[in-house]
């Protein structure tokens, strides 16, 4: 049973920073591609970032490129999302997700992922 637990969300002022963490248990962490998604209030869930099993490949939503950074620590079975220069439009419930990494392309669709966390709320005030 693979379980993902996000943490690190909270309330922050515009321009501030937060680091989200996602601890993964069960399965083989080092074989997973990991993704971050978010669901703003009243909107559909959207892709934010993904990182390959090795950590060497990353891919981002255009609007967060240069402000967010995804990383992983395979020794700790944890993936991170460092968020800087936060904007009110970044307010959302943030989810992490895991998928077996086949090494073919970036995984940016919800259907690419097999396992999901429950989410952590990020609120950015103006």
Foldseek 3Di string as FASTA:
>chain_A
DKAKAKDWADEEAQQAKTKMKIAIDDDQLLQKKKFKWWDAPPGDIFGAKIAGSVRPDMDGDPVQVPFWDWGDDSVRRMIMIIGGSDDQVVWTWMKMFIARHPVPDDDTDPVRTDYIHPTDTHGYHD
